[in-house]
Amino acid sequence: MLRIIDARTGESAPAAPARRAPTRVEAHPPGRDATALRVMLVADLLVRVLELDGTPVWAVLTGAEAGERLRKDAAALGIRPFEDGAGHGAGTGQGVRVVGERVSGKGSGDGSGSGEAVPDAVAVAVAPVHPAGLGLAGLADSDAVRLALLERHHHARVELDTATLDEARDTLARWRRAVADWARHPSRPVPGEVRDRLRAAWEDDLDAPGVLRVLRRVETDPDLADGARFEICAYADRFLGLHLTRDVGTVY
């Protein structure tokens, strides 16, 4: 079961106490900057994990002053569309709010990131991104930005400098080449212990860096068949959303 750190209490709490009951995921991007984009990314990860567990999800974009530019940047980052939450109440079902971290001497405070009252719902606080003015328009590889953001836990601040983006771009290219090569080998099932490690990571407060560490071990593990490596990457990408199988069939 997915457990996340509730920004209201600082304690671990189940994201969906009633498993497989409808869950409303609210993304509350604070404005139009890179942190707002990261809030939407974390909400996207949350939706992906709940769906992997068989939980029906209603994903909404609420209280956003973001406009069409943020929606376009989110789409470029591989974030699936969120419904417009304006004019819709929170409803009576279970819900999770994903918000920008509130900067104060005591941490994230109520987790709203905007001074608004937080209803009785779990809140996920997302740390800032620097530079705040990051835009994806015209960027050659927005998947590299997504990977760079996933390399750091969402509670940690992210510096998206040139070196960080170059490293993410190189890593993504290497993995895609490897996955395309592994796809040429006979398929093998995802080993149970690897599946368990992946699920343990993403169900532990959406630990994307933990999932990436599993993939790095898979990349070099001499005991794994190449066909299994391919299936592992395809399975993990249902959470990561990095299009790791994009180049299957490409001749390098």
Protein backbone atom coordinates (compact mmCIF):
# COMPACT_ATOMS: atom_id res chain seq x y z
CA MET A 1 0.00 0.00 0.00
CA LEU A 2 1.28 3.45 -0.93
CA ARG A 3 2.27 5.50 2.11
CA ILE A 4 3.30 9.13 1.93
CA ILE A 5 4.53 11.75 4.37
CA ASP A 6 1.53 13.92 5.26
CA ALA A 7 2.67 17.56 5.17
CA ARG A 8 0.10 18.45 7.84
CA THR A 9 1.59 16.12 10.46
CA GLY A 10 5.01 15.04 9.21
CA GLU A 11 3.90 11.44 9.73
CA SER A 12 3.56 8.56 7.27
CA ALA A 13 -0.03 7.96 6.17
CA PRO A 14 -1.76 5.76 3.57
CA ALA A 15 -2.50 7.68 0.37
CA ALA A 16 -5.66 5.64 -0.15
CA PRO A 17 -6.88 4.16 3.17
CA ALA A 18 -9.66 2.25 1.40
CA ARG A 19 -7.82 0.31 -1.27
CA ARG A 20 -9.39 0.35 -4.74
CA ALA A 21 -11.94 2.96 -3.62
CA PRO A 22 -12.10 6.06 -5.85
CA THR A 23 -9.40 8.57 -4.90
CA ARG A 24 -9.25 12.24 -5.88
CA VAL A 25 -5.72 13.52 -6.54
CA GLU A 26 -5.56 17.32 -6.52
CA ALA A 27 -2.57 19.12 -8.01
CA HIS A 28 -2.17 22.65 -6.60
CA PRO A 29 0.69 24.19 -8.60
CA PRO A 30 1.92 27.40 -6.94
CA GLY A 31 1.89 29.78 -9.89
CA ARG A 32 3.57 29.16 -13.23
CA ASP A 33 7.20 28.35 -12.43
CA ALA A 34 9.32 25.20 -12.40
CA THR A 35 8.14 24.29 -8.89
CA ALA A 36 4.56 24.32 -10.15
CA LEU A 37 5.62 21.92 -12.88
CA ARG A 38 7.26 19.66 -10.30
CA VAL A 39 4.05 19.66 -8.24
CA MET A 40 2.21 18.35 -11.30
CA LEU A 41 4.93 15.75 -11.87
CA VAL A 42 4.61 14.41 -8.32
CA ALA A 43 0.83 14.31 -8.71
CA ASP A 44 1.36 12.34 -11.93
CA LEU A 45 3.58 9.84 -10.06
CA LEU A 46 0.91 9.51 -7.37
CA VAL A 47 -1.76 8.77 -9.97
CA ARG A 48 0.49 6.17 -11.62
CA VAL A 49 1.15 4.30 -8.36
CA LEU A 50 -2.52 4.25 -7.39
CA GLU A 51 -3.46 2.93 -10.83
CA LEU A 52 -0.75 0.26 -10.63
CA ASP A 53 -2.43 -0.87 -7.40
CA GLY A 54 -5.84 -1.00 -9.09
CA THR A 55 -7.20 2.15 -7.42
CA PRO A 56 -9.50 4.28 -9.59
CA VAL A 57 -8.28 7.88 -9.65
CA TRP A 58 -9.82 11.24 -10.44
CA ALA A 59 -6.93 13.63 -11.18
CA VAL A 60 -7.77 17.34 -11.04
CA LEU A 61 -5.88 20.60 -11.37
CA THR A 62 -7.23 22.87 -8.64
CA GLY A 63 -6.70 26.51 -7.75
CA ALA A 64 -4.17 27.00 -10.53
CA GLU A 65 -3.30 30.38 -12.01
CA ALA A 66 -1.06 28.49 -14.37
CA GLY A 67 -2.95 28.83 -17.60
CA GLU A 68 -2.28 27.07 -20.86
CA ARG A 69 1.53 27.41 -20.71
CA LEU A 70 1.84 25.20 -17.64
CA ARG A 71 -0.49 22.63 -19.19
CA LYS A 72 1.65 22.53 -22.34
CA ASP A 73 4.87 22.21 -20.34
CA ALA A 74 3.28 19.45 -18.25
CA ALA A 75 2.30 17.56 -21.40
CA ALA A 76 5.85 17.93 -22.74
CA LEU A 77 7.11 16.45 -19.47
CA GLY A 78 4.97 13.33 -19.99
CA ILE A 79 2.35 14.34 -17.42
CA ARG A 80 -1.04 13.09 -18.42
CA PRO A 81 -3.90 15.66 -18.57
CA PHE A 82 -5.62 16.64 -15.34
CA GLU A 83 -9.25 17.70 -15.28
CA ASP A 84 -10.03 21.28 -14.38
CA GLY A 85 -11.02 21.25 -10.72
CA ALA A 86 -12.53 24.74 -10.75
CA GLY A 87 -16.14 24.71 -9.68
CA HIS A 88 -16.03 21.16 -8.33
CA GLY A 89 -16.18 20.40 -4.63
CA ALA A 90 -13.80 18.00 -2.94
CA GLY A 91 -16.54 15.38 -2.71
CA THR A 92 -16.99 12.78 -0.02
CA GLY A 93 -14.42 10.23 -1.16
CA GLN A 94 -10.80 9.94 -0.13
CA GLY A 95 -8.35 12.43 -1.54
CA VAL A 96 -4.75 13.62 -1.65
CA ARG A 97 -3.53 17.17 -2.27
CA VAL A 98 -0.13 17.76 -3.91
CA VAL A 99 1.14 21.24 -3.08
CA GLY A 100 4.24 23.40 -3.16
CA GLU A 101 6.31 23.30 0.00
CA ARG A 102 5.61 26.23 2.29
CA VAL A 103 8.87 27.90 3.21
CA SER A 104 9.03 28.77 6.90
CA GLY A 105 11.17 28.22 9.94
CA LYS A 106 9.14 25.12 10.79
CA GLY A 107 9.08 23.39 7.42
CA SER A 108 6.00 22.97 5.28
CA GLY A 109 3.44 24.12 7.83
CA ASP A 110 -0.07 23.18 6.75
CA GLY A 111 1.20 21.99 3.39
CA SER A 112 -1.01 24.26 1.34
CA GLY A 113 1.80 26.34 -0.11
CA SER A 114 -0.68 29.20 -0.55
CA GLY A 115 -2.01 30.02 2.90
CA GLU A 116 -5.35 28.31 2.16
CA ALA A 117 -6.95 26.02 4.71
CA VAL A 118 -6.27 22.35 4.09
CA PRO A 119 -9.30 20.05 4.27
CA ASP A 120 -9.21 16.69 5.98
CA ALA A 121 -7.09 15.08 3.27
CA VAL A 122 -3.50 13.91 3.11
CA ALA A 123 -1.17 16.59 1.72
CA VAL A 124 2.06 15.94 -0.18
CA ALA A 125 4.52 18.84 -0.05
CA VAL A 126 6.92 19.32 -2.97
CA ALA A 127 10.22 21.18 -2.57
CA PRO A 128 11.24 24.02 -4.92
CA VAL A 129 13.14 23.85 -8.21
CA HIS A 130 15.91 26.25 -9.23
CA PRO A 131 15.95 28.04 -11.62
CA ALA A 132 12.31 28.91 -11.09
CA GLY A 133 11.93 30.23 -14.62
CA LEU A 134 12.57 26.91 -16.35
CA GLY A 135 10.45 26.53 -19.48
CA LEU A 136 10.19 23.53 -21.78
CA ALA A 137 9.30 25.38 -24.97
CA GLY A 138 11.83 24.45 -27.62
CA LEU A 139 13.72 22.07 -25.32
CA ALA A 140 15.10 19.16 -27.33
CA ASP A 141 14.61 16.48 -24.68
CA SER A 142 12.05 17.23 -21.99
CA ASP A 143 12.36 13.59 -20.81
CA ALA A 144 15.83 14.54 -19.55
CA VAL A 145 14.21 17.24 -17.40
CA ARG A 146 11.78 14.66 -16.05
CA LEU A 147 14.65 12.30 -15.19
CA ALA A 148 16.62 15.10 -13.53
CA LEU A 149 13.61 15.88 -11.34
CA LEU A 150 13.10 12.20 -10.51
CA GLU A 151 16.73 11.84 -9.39
CA ARG A 152 15.91 13.82 -6.26
CA HIS A 153 13.17 12.92 -3.78
CA HIS A 154 10.29 15.37 -3.95
CA HIS A 155 11.08 16.57 -0.41
CA ALA A 156 14.53 17.73 -1.60
CA ARG A 157 15.25 20.91 -3.53
CA VAL A 158 16.42 20.45 -7.13
CA GLU A 159 19.06 22.43 -9.00
CA LEU A 160 18.50 22.06 -12.74
CA ASP A 161 21.86 23.34 -13.95
CA THR A 162 23.54 22.46 -17.23
CA ALA A 163 25.63 19.65 -15.74
CA THR A 164 22.58 18.02 -14.16
CA LEU A 165 20.60 18.12 -17.40
CA ASP A 166 23.55 16.84 -19.45
CA GLU A 167 23.99 13.90 -17.07
CA ALA A 168 20.26 13.09 -17.24
CA ARG A 169 20.35 13.27 -21.04
CA ASP A 170 23.34 10.90 -21.20
CA THR A 171 21.75 8.45 -18.76
CA LEU A 172 18.49 8.41 -20.69
CA ALA A 173 20.26 7.83 -24.00
CA ARG A 174 22.30 4.96 -22.50
CA TRP A 175 19.25 3.29 -21.00
CA ARG A 176 17.23 3.58 -24.20
CA ARG A 177 20.04 2.03 -26.21
CA ALA A 178 20.34 -0.79 -23.69
CA VAL A 179 16.58 -1.41 -23.58
CA ALA A 180 16.44 -1.51 -27.40
CA ASP A 181 19.23 -4.11 -27.36
CA TRP A 182 17.66 -6.19 -24.56
CA ALA A 183 14.37 -6.25 -26.51
CA ARG A 184 16.07 -8.37 -29.19
CA HIS A 185 16.54 -11.23 -26.71
CA PRO A 186 13.91 -13.79 -25.67
CA SER A 187 11.54 -12.30 -23.11
CA ARG A 188 11.85 -13.36 -19.48
CA PRO A 189 9.48 -12.51 -16.62
CA VAL A 190 10.31 -9.80 -14.11
CA PRO A 191 11.93 -11.63 -11.18
CA GLY A 192 9.74 -11.50 -8.09
CA GLU A 193 12.40 -9.95 -5.87
CA VAL A 194 13.07 -7.15 -8.40
CA ARG A 195 9.34 -6.45 -8.72
CA ASP A 196 9.12 -6.31 -4.93
CA ARG A 197 12.03 -3.85 -4.71
CA LEU A 198 10.45 -1.57 -7.30
CA ARG A 199 7.07 -1.60 -5.59
CA ALA A 200 8.64 -1.12 -2.16
CA ALA A 201 10.37 2.01 -3.47
CA TRP A 202 7.45 3.70 -5.18
CA GLU A 203 5.04 2.76 -2.39
CA ASP A 204 7.40 4.37 0.15
CA ASP A 205 6.49 8.04 -0.25
CA LEU A 206 6.90 7.93 -4.06
CA ASP A 207 10.63 7.20 -3.79
CA ALA A 208 11.60 7.77 -7.42
CA PRO A 209 15.36 7.85 -6.63
CA GLY A 210 14.93 4.39 -5.07
CA VAL A 211 13.32 3.10 -8.27
CA LEU A 212 16.20 4.53 -10.31
CA ARG A 213 18.71 2.80 -8.01
CA VAL A 214 16.99 -0.52 -8.71
CA LEU A 215 17.31 0.08 -12.46
CA ARG A 216 21.00 0.88 -12.13
CA ARG A 217 21.54 -2.42 -10.33
CA VAL A 218 19.53 -4.23 -13.01
CA GLU A 219 21.69 -2.65 -15.70
CA THR A 220 24.85 -4.36 -14.40
CA ASP A 221 23.56 -7.47 -12.59
CA PRO A 222 25.37 -10.43 -14.22
CA ASP A 223 22.72 -12.89 -13.03
CA LEU A 224 19.87 -11.33 -15.02
CA ALA A 225 18.95 -12.40 -18.53
CA ASP A 226 18.71 -9.56 -21.04
CA GLY A 227 15.08 -10.42 -21.75
CA ALA A 228 14.33 -9.95 -18.04
CA ARG A 229 16.17 -6.60 -18.02
CA PHE A 230 13.89 -5.40 -20.80
CA GLU A 231 10.72 -6.44 -18.96
CA ILE A 232 11.96 -4.86 -15.72
CA CYS A 233 12.57 -1.52 -17.45
CA ALA A 234 9.20 -1.63 -19.18
CA TYR A 235 7.50 -2.36 -15.85
CA ALA A 236 9.38 0.36 -13.94
CA ASP A 237 8.58 2.86 -16.68
CA ARG A 238 4.88 2.56 -15.89
CA PHE A 239 5.84 4.61 -12.81
CA LEU A 240 8.75 6.67 -14.16
CA GLY A 241 7.17 7.71 -17.46
CA LEU A 242 10.55 8.11 -19.22
CA HIS A 243 9.67 6.30 -22.47
CA LEU A 244 12.48 3.82 -21.91
CA THR A 245 11.16 1.52 -24.66
CA ARG A 246 10.86 4.32 -27.20
CA ASP A 247 13.81 3.15 -29.32
CA VAL A 248 12.87 -0.54 -29.50
CA GLY A 249 13.40 -1.59 -33.12
CA THR A 250 15.96 1.14 -33.73
CA VAL A 251 19.32 0.07 -35.09
CA TYR A 252 22.18 1.88 -33.35
